[in-house]
Amino acid sequence: MRPGYQVPPENVSRGLPEAVKIMGDFGLKIYSIAGPTDEATIAACAEQGIPIIRVMADIGDEGYMAVS
């Protein structure tokens, strides 16, 4: 979950159930997401049975290679 992608963080309560349904229609299950650990995200994951939230560290404007 990040801005500009399939489920932006500000739309997690509506977008995540939609993503789960679309994936489920193809026989797939979401087991983890990468995103914030705010209350809305935690609640949406719990409601959809997604047990893992991977925390993404902010890497700044310089990008991954500059901070690795």
PDB file of N, CA and C in Angstrom:
ATOM      1  N   MET A   1       0.838  -1.165   0.000  1.00  0.00           N
ATOM      2  CA  MET A   1       0.000   0.000   0.000  1.00  0.00           C
ATOM      3  C   MET A   1       0.889   1.236   0.000  1.00  0.00           C
ATOM      4  N   ARG A   2       0.732   2.003  -1.049  1.00  0.00           N
ATOM      5  CA  ARG A   2       1.429   3.293  -1.100  1.00  0.00           C
ATOM      6  C   ARG A   2       0.721   4.193  -2.096  1.00  0.00           C
ATOM      7  N   PRO A   3       0.950   5.478  -1.960  1.00  0.00           N
ATOM      8  CA  PRO A   3       0.285   6.424  -2.858  1.00  0.00           C
ATOM      9  C   PRO A   3       0.574   6.097  -4.324  1.00  0.00           C
ATOM     10  N   GLY A   4      -0.470   6.148  -5.135  1.00  0.00           N
ATOM     11  CA  GLY A   4      -0.315   5.918  -6.555  1.00  0.00           C
ATOM     12  C   GLY A   4      -0.392   4.457  -6.981  1.00  0.00           C
ATOM     13  N   TYR A   5      -0.577   3.548  -6.042  1.00  0.00           N
ATOM     14  CA  TYR A   5      -0.663   2.127  -6.374  1.00  0.00           C
ATOM     15  C   TYR A   5      -2.082   1.618  -6.142  1.00  0.00           C
ATOM     16  N   GLN A   6      -2.277   0.302  -6.265  1.00  0.00           N
ATOM     17  CA  GLN A   6      -3.611  -0.282  -6.247  1.00  0.00           C
ATOM     18  C   GLN A   6      -4.426   0.076  -5.008  1.00  0.00           C
ATOM     19  N   VAL A   7      -3.786   0.097  -3.848  1.00  0.00           N
ATOM     20  CA  VAL A   7      -4.485   0.457  -2.609  1.00  0.00           C
ATOM     21  C   VAL A   7      -3.681   1.550  -1.910  1.00  0.00           C
ATOM     22  N   PRO A   8      -4.058   2.808  -2.123  1.00  0.00           N
ATOM     23  CA  PRO A   8      -3.353   3.876  -1.416  1.00  0.00           C
ATOM     24  C   PRO A   8      -3.724   3.863   0.063  1.00  0.00           C
ATOM     25  N   PRO A   9      -2.818   4.247   0.952  1.00  0.00           N
ATOM     26  CA  PRO A   9      -3.077   4.190   2.391  1.00  0.00           C
ATOM     27  C   PRO A   9      -4.342   4.931   2.828  1.00  0.00           C
ATOM     28  N   GLU A  10      -4.644   6.040   2.191  1.00  0.00           N
ATOM     29  CA  GLU A  10      -5.823   6.808   2.604  1.00  0.00           C
ATOM     30  C   GLU A  10      -7.134   6.131   2.201  1.00  0.00           C
ATOM     31  N   ASN A  11      -7.057   5.047   1.422  1.00  0.00           N
ATOM     32  CA  ASN A  11      -8.252   4.344   0.946  1.00  0.00           C
ATOM     33  C   ASN A  11      -8.259   2.880   1.393  1.00  0.00           C
ATOM     34  N   VAL A  12      -7.521   2.555   2.445  1.00  0.00           N
ATOM     35  CA  VAL A  12      -7.343   1.166   2.845  1.00  0.00           C
ATOM     36  C   VAL A  12      -8.654   0.482   3.222  1.00  0.00           C
ATOM     37  N   SER A  13      -9.556   1.166   3.887  1.00  0.00           N
ATOM     38  CA  SER A  13     -10.775   0.500   4.346  1.00  0.00           C
ATOM     39  C   SER A  13     -11.691   0.095   3.195  1.00  0.00           C
ATOM     40  N   ARG A  14     -11.593   0.754   2.069  1.00  0.00           N
ATOM     41  CA  ARG A  14     -12.387   0.385   0.905  1.00  0.00           C
ATOM     42  C   ARG A  14     -11.558  -0.374  -0.126  1.00  0.00           C
ATOM     43  N   GLY A  15     -10.316   0.045  -0.313  1.00  0.00           N
ATOM     44  CA  GLY A  15      -9.475  -0.546  -1.346  1.00  0.00           C
ATOM     45  C   GLY A  15      -8.969  -1.944  -1.028  1.00  0.00           C
ATOM     46  N   LEU A  16      -8.648  -2.209   0.237  1.00  0.00           N
ATOM     47  CA  LEU A  16      -8.119  -3.526   0.574  1.00  0.00           C
ATOM     48  C   LEU A  16      -9.164  -4.624   0.392  1.00  0.00           C
ATOM     49  N   PRO A  17     -10.402  -4.457   0.855  1.00  0.00           N
ATOM     50  CA  PRO A  17     -11.405  -5.492   0.584  1.00  0.00           C
ATOM     51  C   PRO A  17     -11.614  -5.734  -0.912  1.00  0.00           C
ATOM     52  N   GLU A  18     -11.548  -4.675  -1.692  1.00  0.00           N
ATOM     53  CA  GLU A  18     -11.695  -4.816  -3.142  1.00  0.00           C
ATOM     54  C   GLU A  18     -10.537  -5.629  -3.729  1.00  0.00           C
ATOM     55  N   ALA A  19      -9.313  -5.336  -3.281  1.00  0.00           N
ATOM     56  CA  ALA A  19      -8.144  -6.076  -3.752  1.00  0.00           C
ATOM     57  C   ALA A  19      -8.227  -7.546  -3.341  1.00  0.00           C
ATOM     58  N   VAL A  20      -8.673  -7.804  -2.118  1.00  0.00           N
ATOM     59  CA  VAL A  20      -8.822  -9.184  -1.639  1.00  0.00           C
ATOM     60  C   VAL A  20      -9.835  -9.933  -2.503  1.00  0.00           C
ATOM     61  N   LYS A  21     -10.931  -9.276  -2.851  1.00  0.00           N
ATOM     62  CA  LYS A  21     -11.954  -9.918  -3.681  1.00  0.00           C
ATOM     63  C   LYS A  21     -11.427 -10.213  -5.079  1.00  0.00           C
ATOM     64  N   ILE A  22     -10.768  -9.237  -5.683  1.00  0.00           N
ATOM     65  CA  ILE A  22     -10.228  -9.435  -7.031  1.00  0.00           C
ATOM     66  C   ILE A  22      -9.231 -10.593  -7.042  1.00  0.00           C
ATOM     67  N   MET A  23      -8.323 -10.602  -6.086  1.00  0.00           N
ATOM     68  CA  MET A  23      -7.342 -11.688  -6.019  1.00  0.00           C
ATOM     69  C   MET A  23      -8.038 -13.018  -5.752  1.00  0.00           C
ATOM     70  N   GLY A  24      -9.043 -13.005  -4.867  1.00  0.00           N
ATOM     71  CA  GLY A  24      -9.783 -14.218  -4.554  1.00  0.00           C
ATOM     72  C   GLY A  24     -10.504 -14.792  -5.754  1.00  0.00           C
ATOM     73  N   ASP A  25     -10.985 -13.919  -6.629  1.00  0.00           N
ATOM     74  CA  ASP A  25     -11.645 -14.378  -7.852  1.00  0.00           C
ATOM     75  C   ASP A  25     -10.707 -15.195  -8.744  1.00  0.00           C
ATOM     76  N   PHE A  26      -9.410 -15.015  -8.555  1.00  0.00           N
ATOM     77  CA  PHE A  26      -8.401 -15.764  -9.306  1.00  0.00           C
ATOM     78  C   PHE A  26      -7.795 -16.890  -8.468  1.00  0.00           C
ATOM     79  N   GLY A  27      -8.403 -17.162  -7.313  1.00  0.00           N
ATOM     80  CA  GLY A  27      -7.926 -18.240  -6.457  1.00  0.00           C
ATOM     81  C   GLY A  27      -6.706 -17.889  -5.629  1.00  0.00           C
ATOM     82  N   LEU A  28      -6.430 -16.604  -5.482  1.00  0.00           N
ATOM     83  CA  LEU A  28      -5.256 -16.156  -4.735  1.00  0.00           C
ATOM     84  C   LEU A  28      -5.670 -15.564  -3.393  1.00  0.00           C
ATOM     85  N   LYS A  29      -4.777 -15.633  -2.413  1.00  0.00           N
ATOM     86  CA  LYS A  29      -5.021 -15.071  -1.092  1.00  0.00           C
ATOM     87  C   LYS A  29      -3.875 -14.130  -0.733  1.00  0.00           C
ATOM     88  N   ILE A  30      -4.203 -13.023  -0.143  1.00  0.00           N
ATOM     89  CA  ILE A  30      -3.189 -12.069   0.309  1.00  0.00           C
ATOM     90  C   ILE A  30      -2.789 -12.453   1.735  1.00  0.00           C
ATOM     91  N   TYR A  31      -1.498 -12.738   1.935  1.00  0.00           N
ATOM     92  CA  TYR A  31      -1.009 -13.126   3.247  1.00  0.00           C
ATOM     93  C   TYR A  31      -0.272 -12.005   3.964  1.00  0.00           C
ATOM     94  N   SER A  32       0.143 -10.983   3.214  1.00  0.00           N
ATOM     95  CA  SER A  32       0.815  -9.853   3.855  1.00  0.00           C
ATOM     96  C   SER A  32       0.689  -8.634   2.957  1.00  0.00           C
ATOM     97  N   ILE A  33       0.821  -7.487   3.588  1.00  0.00           N
ATOM     98  CA  ILE A  33       0.865  -6.229   2.855  1.00  0.00           C
ATOM     99  C   ILE A  33       2.064  -5.441   3.361  1.00  0.00           C
ATOM    100  N   ALA A  34       2.534  -4.515   2.577  1.00  0.00           N
ATOM    101  CA  ALA A  34       3.561  -3.579   3.002  1.00  0.00           C
ATOM    102  C   ALA A  34       2.875  -2.235   3.138  1.00  0.00           C
ATOM    103  N   GLY A  35       2.929  -1.663   4.314  1.00  0.00           N
ATOM    104  CA  GLY A  35       2.251  -0.396   4.506  1.00  0.00           C
ATOM    105  C   GLY A  35       2.392   0.141   5.914  1.00  0.00           C
ATOM    106  N   PRO A  36       1.653   1.193   6.202  1.00  0.00           N
ATOM    107  CA  PRO A  36       1.719   1.817   7.520  1.00  0.00           C
ATOM    108  C   PRO A  36       1.046   0.943   8.581  1.00  0.00           C
ATOM    109  N   THR A  37       1.349   1.215   9.822  1.00  0.00           N
ATOM    110  CA  THR A  37       0.747   0.460  10.923  1.00  0.00           C
ATOM    111  C   THR A  37      -0.248   1.316  11.698  1.00  0.00           C
ATOM    112  N   ASP A  38      -1.002   2.130  10.965  1.00  0.00           N
ATOM    113  CA  ASP A  38      -2.017   2.950  11.629  1.00  0.00           C
ATOM    114  C   ASP A  38      -3.261   2.108  11.911  1.00  0.00           C
ATOM    115  N   GLU A  39      -4.173   2.660  12.678  1.00  0.00           N
ATOM    116  CA  GLU A  39      -5.361   1.930  13.103  1.00  0.00           C
ATOM    117  C   GLU A  39      -6.211   1.450  11.930  1.00  0.00           C
ATOM    118  N   ALA A  40      -6.375   2.288  10.914  1.00  0.00           N
ATOM    119  CA  ALA A  40      -7.201   1.915   9.758  1.00  0.00           C
ATOM    120  C   ALA A  40      -6.608   0.723   9.014  1.00  0.00           C
ATOM    121  N   THR A  41      -5.303   0.708   8.842  1.00  0.00           N
ATOM    122  CA  THR A  41      -4.651  -0.394   8.138  1.00  0.00           C
ATOM    123  C   THR A  41      -4.735  -1.681   8.938  1.00  0.00           C
ATOM    124  N   ILE A  42      -4.468  -1.592  10.233  1.00  0.00           N
ATOM    125  CA  ILE A  42      -4.549  -2.776  11.088  1.00  0.00           C
ATOM    126  C   ILE A  42      -5.968  -3.341  11.088  1.00  0.00           C
ATOM    127  N   ALA A  43      -6.959  -2.475  11.190  1.00  0.00           N
ATOM    128  CA  ALA A  43      -8.358  -2.924  11.189  1.00  0.00           C
ATOM    129  C   ALA A  43      -8.730  -3.557   9.852  1.00  0.00           C
ATOM    130  N   ALA A  44      -8.325  -2.950   8.743  1.00  0.00           N
ATOM    131  CA  ALA A  44      -8.647  -3.495   7.424  1.00  0.00           C
ATOM    132  C   ALA A  44      -7.996  -4.855   7.229  1.00  0.00           C
ATOM    133  N   CYS A  45      -6.762  -5.011   7.656  1.00  0.00           N
ATOM    134  CA  CYS A  45      -6.087  -6.303   7.541  1.00  0.00           C
ATOM    135  C   CYS A  45      -6.782  -7.354   8.403  1.00  0.00           C
ATOM    136  N   ALA A  46      -7.163  -6.984   9.614  1.00  0.00           N
ATOM    137  CA  ALA A  46      -7.862  -7.925  10.492  1.00  0.00           C
ATOM    138  C   ALA A  46      -9.176  -8.368   9.862  1.00  0.00           C
ATOM    139  N   GLU A  47      -9.920  -7.440   9.311  1.00  0.00           N
ATOM    140  CA  GLU A  47     -11.212  -7.766   8.692  1.00  0.00           C
ATOM    141  C   GLU A  47     -11.056  -8.680   7.487  1.00  0.00           C
ATOM    142  N   GLN A  48      -9.932  -8.566   6.784  1.00  0.00           N
ATOM    143  CA  GLN A  48      -9.704  -9.366   5.581  1.00  0.00           C
ATOM    144  C   GLN A  48      -8.895 -10.635   5.851  1.00  0.00           C
ATOM    145  N   GLY A  49      -8.509 -10.856   7.109  1.00  0.00           N
ATOM    146  CA  GLY A  49      -7.745 -12.052   7.452  1.00  0.00           C
ATOM    147  C   GLY A  49      -6.305 -12.019   6.981  1.00  0.00           C
ATOM    148  N   ILE A  50      -5.744 -10.826   6.866  1.00  0.00           N
ATOM    149  CA  ILE A  50      -4.346 -10.673   6.446  1.00  0.00           C
ATOM    150  C   ILE A  50      -3.494 -10.558   7.712  1.00  0.00           C
ATOM    151  N   PRO A  51      -2.660 -11.571   7.992  1.00  0.00           N
ATOM    152  CA  PRO A  51      -1.976 -11.612   9.284  1.00  0.00           C
ATOM    153  C   PRO A  51      -0.694 -10.795   9.404  1.00  0.00           C
ATOM    154  N   ILE A  52      -0.121 -10.329   8.300  1.00  0.00           N
ATOM    155  CA  ILE A  52       1.199  -9.686   8.369  1.00  0.00           C
ATOM    156  C   ILE A  52       1.175  -8.324   7.687  1.00  0.00           C
ATOM    157  N   ILE A  53       1.706  -7.324   8.399  1.00  0.00           N
ATOM    158  CA  ILE A  53       1.948  -6.004   7.826  1.00  0.00           C
ATOM    159  C   ILE A  53       3.454  -5.794   7.852  1.00  0.00           C
ATOM    160  N   ARG A  54       4.054  -5.665   6.677  1.00  0.00           N
ATOM    161  CA  ARG A  54       5.487  -5.405   6.593  1.00  0.00           C
ATOM    162  C   ARG A  54       5.699  -3.895   6.675  1.00  0.00           C
ATOM    163  N   VAL A  55       6.511  -3.478   7.610  1.00  0.00           N
ATOM    164  CA  VAL A  55       6.763  -2.058   7.827  1.00  0.00           C
ATOM    165  C   VAL A  55       7.805  -1.580   6.832  1.00  0.00           C
ATOM    166  N   MET A  56       7.485  -0.491   6.152  1.00  0.00           N
ATOM    167  CA  MET A  56       8.390   0.044   5.154  1.00  0.00           C
ATOM    168  C   MET A  56       9.072   1.292   5.704  1.00  0.00           C
ATOM    169  N   ALA A  57      10.386   1.272   5.764  1.00  0.00           N
ATOM    170  CA  ALA A  57      11.144   2.410   6.261  1.00  0.00           C
ATOM    171  C   ALA A  57      11.180   3.511   5.210  1.00  0.00           C
ATOM    172  N   ASP A  58      11.102   4.741   5.650  1.00  0.00           N
ATOM    173  CA  ASP A  58      11.198   5.883   4.745  1.00  0.00           C
ATOM    174  C   ASP A  58      12.642   6.040   4.304  1.00  0.00           C
ATOM    175  N   ILE A  59      12.870   6.038   2.995  1.00  0.00           N
ATOM    176  CA  ILE A  59      14.246   6.133   2.496  1.00  0.00           C
ATOM    177  C   ILE A  59      14.604   7.526   2.001  1.00  0.00           C
ATOM    178  N   GLY A  60      13.656   8.438   2.043  1.00  0.00           N
ATOM    179  CA  GLY A  60      13.950   9.809   1.659  1.00  0.00           C
ATOM    180  C   GLY A  60      14.020  10.007   0.154  1.00  0.00           C
ATOM    181  N   ASP A  61      14.306  11.225  -0.235  1.00  0.00           N
ATOM    182  CA  ASP A  61      14.318  11.599  -1.642  1.00  0.00           C
ATOM    183  C   ASP A  61      15.522  11.045  -2.416  1.00  0.00           C
ATOM    184  N   GLU A  62      16.582  10.650  -1.711  1.00  0.00           N
ATOM    185  CA  GLU A  62      17.778  10.180  -2.376  1.00  0.00           C
ATOM    186  C   GLU A  62      17.613   8.774  -2.941  1.00  0.00           C
ATOM    187  N   GLY A  63      16.642   8.035  -2.447  1.00  0.00           N
ATOM    188  CA  GLY A  63      16.398   6.688  -2.932  1.00  0.00           C
ATOM    189  C   GLY A  63      17.131   5.616  -2.148  1.00  0.00           C
ATOM    190  N   TYR A  64      16.805   4.380  -2.473  1.00  0.00           N
ATOM    191  CA  TYR A  64      17.319   3.217  -1.740  1.00  0.00           C
ATOM    192  C   TYR A  64      18.837   3.137  -1.753  1.00  0.00           C
ATOM    193  N   MET A  65      19.446   3.288  -2.890  1.00  0.00           N
ATOM    194  CA  MET A  65      20.894   3.111  -2.977  1.00  0.00           C
ATOM    195  C   MET A  65      21.676   4.109  -2.139  1.00  0.00           C
ATOM    196  N   ALA A  66      21.120   5.282  -1.931  1.00  0.00           N
ATOM    197  CA  ALA A  66      21.804   6.308  -1.140  1.00  0.00           C
ATOM    198  C   ALA A  66      21.788   5.979   0.352  1.00  0.00           C
ATOM    199  N   VAL A  67      20.830   5.189   0.806  1.00  0.00           N
ATOM    200  CA  VAL A  67      20.716   4.914   2.238  1.00  0.00           C
ATOM    201  C   VAL A  67      21.061   3.480   2.598  1.00  0.00           C
ATOM    202  N   SER A  68      21.434   2.666   1.622  1.00  0.00           N
ATOM    203  CA  SER A  68      21.739   1.254   1.913  1.00  0.00           C
ATOM    204  C   SER A  68      23.161   1.076   2.389  1.00  0.00           C
TER     205      SER A  68
END
